[in-house]
Amino acid sequence: MKEEYETAITSVQKQVQELVTRVADEHHKMTGTMSEASDKAQEQLRQAQSQASEALENLQAQYQRSLEDAGEQYQAQLSNAYQQVEAAMQQAVTRTGEHINAQMERIDESMQQELQRVMTEMGSALGQISGRFTQDYQKLTTEMQKVVQSANSGAY
């Protein structure tokens, strides 16, 4: 029986030894697999971080372009509005100038008519004065002739 115990103990030791070796091998395999998984996870995390960083940079560039485009559109709209205001002001100035010119023409025409009327009246008055002067002068010369005749005849 001793031999059977020794054989059984040896057999159990061998099995335990094989079991320990297998557990150690499995442990090494599992550690290797976990290490590989960890390395893969780290690599995937690096890739994900790189992709996220690229996506963020692209988003920032798009945002920058959008802001620049919006600024350019705002500037264009502002310039357009300024041009429209300037055109409206120019048109208003032109219309005001036209109205002033029309009023000046009406004033000028009115002054010409008034001047024509005054000149006509002055001509008429001058004609009357000349006619009256001629009548008075004729009477004066007639009276002077009578005086001269009376003086010559001695009746004066």
C-alpha atoms as a PDB file:
ATOM      1  CA  MET A   1       0.000   0.000   0.000  1.00  0.00           C
ATOM      2  CA  LYS A   2       2.839   2.251   0.588  1.00  0.00           C
ATOM      3  CA  GLU A   3       3.766   1.894  -3.003  1.00  0.00           C
ATOM      4  CA  GLU A   4       0.285   2.650  -4.013  1.00  0.00           C
ATOM      5  CA  TYR A   5       0.361   5.803  -1.847  1.00  0.00           C
ATOM      6  CA  GLU A   6       3.673   6.819  -3.234  1.00  0.00           C
ATOM      7  CA  THR A   7       2.505   6.135  -6.739  1.00  0.00           C
ATOM      8  CA  ALA A   8      -0.716   8.017  -6.031  1.00  0.00           C
ATOM      9  CA  ILE A   9       1.193  10.919  -4.416  1.00  0.00           C
ATOM     10  CA  THR A  10       3.645  10.998  -7.291  1.00  0.00           C
ATOM     11  CA  SER A  11       0.758  10.871  -9.714  1.00  0.00           C
ATOM     12  CA  VAL A  12      -1.047  13.659  -7.815  1.00  0.00           C
ATOM     13  CA  GLN A  13       2.190  15.697  -7.676  1.00  0.00           C
ATOM     14  CA  LYS A  14       2.647  15.195 -11.387  1.00  0.00           C
ATOM     15  CA  GLN A  15      -0.943  16.241 -12.042  1.00  0.00           C
ATOM     16  CA  VAL A  16      -0.580  19.233  -9.706  1.00  0.00           C
ATOM     17  CA  GLN A  17       2.712  20.103 -11.418  1.00  0.00           C
ATOM     18  CA  GLU A  18       1.051  19.826 -14.834  1.00  0.00           C
ATOM     19  CA  LEU A  19      -1.894  21.828 -13.556  1.00  0.00           C
ATOM     20  CA  VAL A  20       0.422  24.552 -12.182  1.00  0.00           C
ATOM     21  CA  THR A  21       2.315  24.586 -15.484  1.00  0.00           C
ATOM     22  CA  ARG A  22      -0.915  24.824 -17.438  1.00  0.00           C
ATOM     23  CA  VAL A  23      -2.215  27.559 -15.129  1.00  0.00           C
ATOM     24  CA  ALA A  24       1.101  29.412 -15.525  1.00  0.00           C
ATOM     25  CA  ASP A  25       0.957  28.964 -19.314  1.00  0.00           C
ATOM     26  CA  GLU A  26      -2.653  30.131 -19.383  1.00  0.00           C
ATOM     27  CA  HIS A  27      -1.709  33.046 -17.129  1.00  0.00           C
ATOM     28  CA  HIS A  28       1.108  34.000 -19.545  1.00  0.00           C
ATOM     29  CA  LYS A  29      -1.252  33.634 -22.490  1.00  0.00           C
ATOM     30  CA  MET A  30      -3.919  35.686 -20.738  1.00  0.00           C
ATOM     31  CA  THR A  31      -1.366  38.322 -19.730  1.00  0.00           C
ATOM     32  CA  GLY A  32      -0.129  38.456 -23.334  1.00  0.00           C
ATOM     33  CA  THR A  33      -3.674  38.675 -24.653  1.00  0.00           C
ATOM     34  CA  MET A  34      -4.520  41.388 -22.127  1.00  0.00           C
ATOM     35  CA  SER A  35      -1.321  43.230 -23.011  1.00  0.00           C
ATOM     36  CA  GLU A  36      -2.170  43.004 -26.705  1.00  0.00           C
ATOM     37  CA  ALA A  37      -5.723  44.122 -25.965  1.00  0.00           C
ATOM     38  CA  SER A  38      -4.365  46.991 -23.897  1.00  0.00           C
ATOM     39  CA  ASP A  39      -1.971  47.974 -26.706  1.00  0.00           C
ATOM     40  CA  LYS A  40      -4.797  47.762 -29.255  1.00  0.00           C
ATOM     41  CA  ALA A  41      -7.066  49.800 -26.979  1.00  0.00           C
ATOM     42  CA  GLN A  42      -4.315  52.420 -26.554  1.00  0.00           C
ATOM     43  CA  GLU A  43      -3.758  52.527 -30.317  1.00  0.00           C
ATOM     44  CA  GLN A  44      -7.500  52.842 -30.922  1.00  0.00           C
ATOM     45  CA  LEU A  45      -7.676  55.599 -28.301  1.00  0.00           C
ATOM     46  CA  ARG A  46      -4.787  57.418 -30.015  1.00  0.00           C
ATOM     47  CA  GLN A  47      -6.527  57.079 -33.364  1.00  0.00           C
ATOM     48  CA  ALA A  48      -9.822  58.250 -31.896  1.00  0.00           C
ATOM     49  CA  GLN A  49      -8.024  61.200 -30.257  1.00  0.00           C
ATOM     50  CA  SER A  50      -6.286  62.039 -33.550  1.00  0.00           C
ATOM     51  CA  GLN A  51      -9.582  61.811 -35.450  1.00  0.00           C
ATOM     52  CA  ALA A  52     -11.342  63.936 -32.839  1.00  0.00           C
ATOM     53  CA  SER A  53      -8.519  66.478 -33.014  1.00  0.00           C
ATOM     54  CA  GLU A  54      -8.736  66.583 -36.828  1.00  0.00           C
ATOM     55  CA  ALA A  55     -12.514  66.885 -36.683  1.00  0.00           C
ATOM     56  CA  LEU A  56     -12.187  69.730 -34.180  1.00  0.00           C
ATOM     57  CA  GLU A  57      -9.620  71.509 -36.370  1.00  0.00           C
ATOM     58  CA  ASN A  58     -11.871  71.054 -39.415  1.00  0.00           C
ATOM     59  CA  LEU A  59     -14.835  72.367 -37.462  1.00  0.00           C
ATOM     60  CA  GLN A  60     -12.788  75.343 -36.306  1.00  0.00           C
ATOM     61  CA  ALA A  61     -11.673  76.042 -39.908  1.00  0.00           C
ATOM     62  CA  GLN A  62     -15.282  75.788 -41.115  1.00  0.00           C
ATOM     63  CA  TYR A  63     -16.416  78.109 -38.348  1.00  0.00           C
ATOM     64  CA  GLN A  64     -13.654  80.565 -39.268  1.00  0.00           C
ATOM     65  CA  ARG A  65     -14.670  80.446 -42.947  1.00  0.00           C
ATOM     66  CA  SER A  66     -18.323  80.882 -41.994  1.00  0.00           C
ATOM     67  CA  LEU A  67     -17.442  83.933 -39.915  1.00  0.00           C
ATOM     68  CA  GLU A  68     -15.353  85.369 -42.737  1.00  0.00           C
ATOM     69  CA  ASP A  69     -18.135  84.714 -45.253  1.00  0.00           C
ATOM     70  CA  ALA A  70     -20.695  86.286 -42.941  1.00  0.00           C
ATOM     71  CA  GLY A  71     -18.395  89.290 -42.464  1.00  0.00           C
ATOM     72  CA  GLU A  72     -17.953  89.648 -46.218  1.00  0.00           C
ATOM     73  CA  GLN A  73     -21.707  89.353 -46.792  1.00  0.00           C
ATOM     74  CA  TYR A  74     -22.367  91.938 -44.087  1.00  0.00           C
ATOM     75  CA  GLN A  75     -19.756  94.243 -45.636  1.00  0.00           C
ATOM     76  CA  ALA A  76     -21.312  93.772 -49.087  1.00  0.00           C
ATOM     77  CA  GLN A  77     -24.805  94.465 -47.745  1.00  0.00           C
ATOM     78  CA  LEU A  78     -23.538  97.510 -45.869  1.00  0.00           C
ATOM     79  CA  SER A  79     -21.803  98.780 -48.996  1.00  0.00           C
ATOM     80  CA  ASN A  80     -24.956  98.171 -51.036  1.00  0.00           C
ATOM     81  CA  ALA A  81     -27.074 100.009 -48.481  1.00  0.00           C
ATOM     82  CA  TYR A  82     -24.583 102.904 -48.472  1.00  0.00           C
ATOM     83  CA  GLN A  83     -24.715 103.080 -52.275  1.00  0.00           C
ATOM     84  CA  GLN A  84     -28.525 103.080 -52.204  1.00  0.00           C
ATOM     85  CA  VAL A  85     -28.569 105.858 -49.601  1.00  0.00           C
ATOM     86  CA  GLU A  86     -26.013 107.817 -51.604  1.00  0.00           C
ATOM     87  CA  ALA A  87     -28.066 107.347 -54.803  1.00  0.00           C
ATOM     88  CA  ALA A  88     -31.244 108.446 -53.001  1.00  0.00           C
ATOM     89  CA  MET A  89     -29.461 111.515 -51.639  1.00  0.00           C
ATOM     90  CA  GLN A  90     -28.071 112.329 -55.080  1.00  0.00           C
ATOM     91  CA  GLN A  91     -31.537 111.961 -56.577  1.00  0.00           C
ATOM     92  CA  ALA A  92     -33.009 114.211 -53.878  1.00  0.00           C
ATOM     93  CA  VAL A  93     -30.305 116.831 -54.516  1.00  0.00           C
ATOM     94  CA  THR A  94     -30.949 116.614 -58.264  1.00  0.00           C
ATOM     95  CA  ARG A  95     -34.712 117.020 -57.808  1.00  0.00           C
ATOM     96  CA  THR A  96     -34.177 119.918 -55.405  1.00  0.00           C
ATOM     97  CA  GLY A  97     -31.858 121.572 -57.938  1.00  0.00           C
ATOM     98  CA  GLU A  98     -34.431 121.066 -60.686  1.00  0.00           C
ATOM     99  CA  HIS A  99     -37.174 122.607 -58.509  1.00  0.00           C
ATOM    100  CA  ILE A 100     -34.946 125.558 -57.644  1.00  0.00           C
ATOM    101  CA  ASN A 101     -34.060 126.046 -61.317  1.00  0.00           C
ATOM    102  CA  ALA A 102     -37.748 125.905 -62.249  1.00  0.00           C
ATOM    103  CA  GLN A 103     -38.571 128.483 -59.570  1.00  0.00           C
ATOM    104  CA  MET A 104     -35.696 130.691 -60.726  1.00  0.00           C
ATOM    105  CA  GLU A 105     -36.983 130.473 -64.306  1.00  0.00           C
ATOM    106  CA  ARG A 106     -40.491 131.438 -63.135  1.00  0.00           C
ATOM    107  CA  ILE A 107     -39.042 134.344 -61.118  1.00  0.00           C
ATOM    108  CA  ASP A 108     -36.930 135.413 -64.104  1.00  0.00           C
ATOM    109  CA  GLU A 109     -39.930 135.208 -66.422  1.00  0.00           C
ATOM    110  CA  SER A 110     -42.033 137.175 -63.953  1.00  0.00           C
ATOM    111  CA  MET A 111     -39.302 139.811 -63.643  1.00  0.00           C
ATOM    112  CA  GLN A 112     -39.048 140.058 -67.441  1.00  0.00           C
ATOM    113  CA  GLN A 113     -42.791 140.528 -67.712  1.00  0.00           C
ATOM    114  CA  GLU A 114     -42.747 143.164 -64.957  1.00  0.00           C
ATOM    115  CA  LEU A 115     -39.775 144.912 -66.562  1.00  0.00           C
ATOM    116  CA  GLN A 116     -41.547 144.824 -69.936  1.00  0.00           C
ATOM    117  CA  ARG A 117     -44.700 146.284 -68.349  1.00  0.00           C
ATOM    118  CA  VAL A 118     -42.718 149.017 -66.563  1.00  0.00           C
ATOM    119  CA  MET A 119     -40.775 149.852 -69.740  1.00  0.00           C
ATOM    120  CA  THR A 120     -44.016 149.987 -71.716  1.00  0.00           C
ATOM    121  CA  GLU A 121     -45.582 152.297 -69.120  1.00  0.00           C
ATOM    122  CA  MET A 122     -42.447 154.436 -69.012  1.00  0.00           C
ATOM    123  CA  GLY A 123     -42.445 154.642 -72.811  1.00  0.00           C
ATOM    124  CA  SER A 124     -46.102 155.623 -72.763  1.00  0.00           C
ATOM    125  CA  ALA A 125     -45.470 158.194 -70.022  1.00  0.00           C
ATOM    126  CA  LEU A 126     -42.455 159.497 -71.910  1.00  0.00           C
ATOM    127  CA  GLY A 127     -44.593 159.741 -75.057  1.00  0.00           C
ATOM    128  CA  GLN A 128     -47.209 161.689 -73.115  1.00  0.00           C
ATOM    129  CA  ILE A 129     -44.522 163.916 -71.608  1.00  0.00           C
ATOM    130  CA  SER A 130     -43.017 164.468 -75.048  1.00  0.00           C
ATOM    131  CA  GLY A 131     -46.474 165.239 -76.490  1.00  0.00           C
ATOM    132  CA  ARG A 132     -47.218 167.614 -73.632  1.00  0.00           C
ATOM    133  CA  PHE A 133     -43.745 169.202 -73.992  1.00  0.00           C
ATOM    134  CA  THR A 134     -44.345 169.642 -77.696  1.00  0.00           C
ATOM    135  CA  GLN A 135     -47.728 171.273 -77.062  1.00  0.00           C
ATOM    136  CA  ASP A 136     -46.297 173.480 -74.326  1.00  0.00           C
ATOM    137  CA  TYR A 137     -43.293 174.342 -76.491  1.00  0.00           C
ATOM    138  CA  GLN A 138     -45.554 175.164 -79.382  1.00  0.00           C
ATOM    139  CA  LYS A 139     -47.648 177.462 -77.147  1.00  0.00           C
ATOM    140  CA  LEU A 140     -44.441 179.010 -75.806  1.00  0.00           C
ATOM    141  CA  THR A 141     -43.077 179.684 -79.261  1.00  0.00           C
ATOM    142  CA  THR A 142     -46.426 181.095 -80.363  1.00  0.00           C
ATOM    143  CA  GLU A 143     -46.532 183.375 -77.308  1.00  0.00           C
ATOM    144  CA  MET A 144     -42.849 184.326 -77.843  1.00  0.00           C
ATOM    145  CA  GLN A 145     -43.597 185.129 -81.435  1.00  0.00           C
ATOM    146  CA  LYS A 146     -46.465 187.379 -80.325  1.00  0.00           C
ATOM    147  CA  VAL A 147     -44.154 189.096 -77.829  1.00  0.00           C
ATOM    148  CA  VAL A 148     -41.491 189.570 -80.490  1.00  0.00           C
ATOM    149  CA  GLN A 149     -44.078 190.912 -82.934  1.00  0.00           C
ATOM    150  CA  SER A 150     -45.508 193.224 -80.314  1.00  0.00           C
ATOM    151  CA  ALA A 151     -42.020 194.438 -79.460  1.00  0.00           C
ATOM    152  CA  ASN A 152     -41.283 195.023 -83.077  1.00  0.00           C
ATOM    153  CA  SER A 153     -44.518 196.844 -83.584  1.00  0.00           C
ATOM    154  CA  GLY A 154     -43.990 198.947 -80.486  1.00  0.00           C
ATOM    155  CA  ALA A 155     -47.142 197.983 -78.764  1.00  0.00           C
ATOM    156  CA  TYR A 156     -45.556 196.396 -75.868  1.00  0.00           C
END
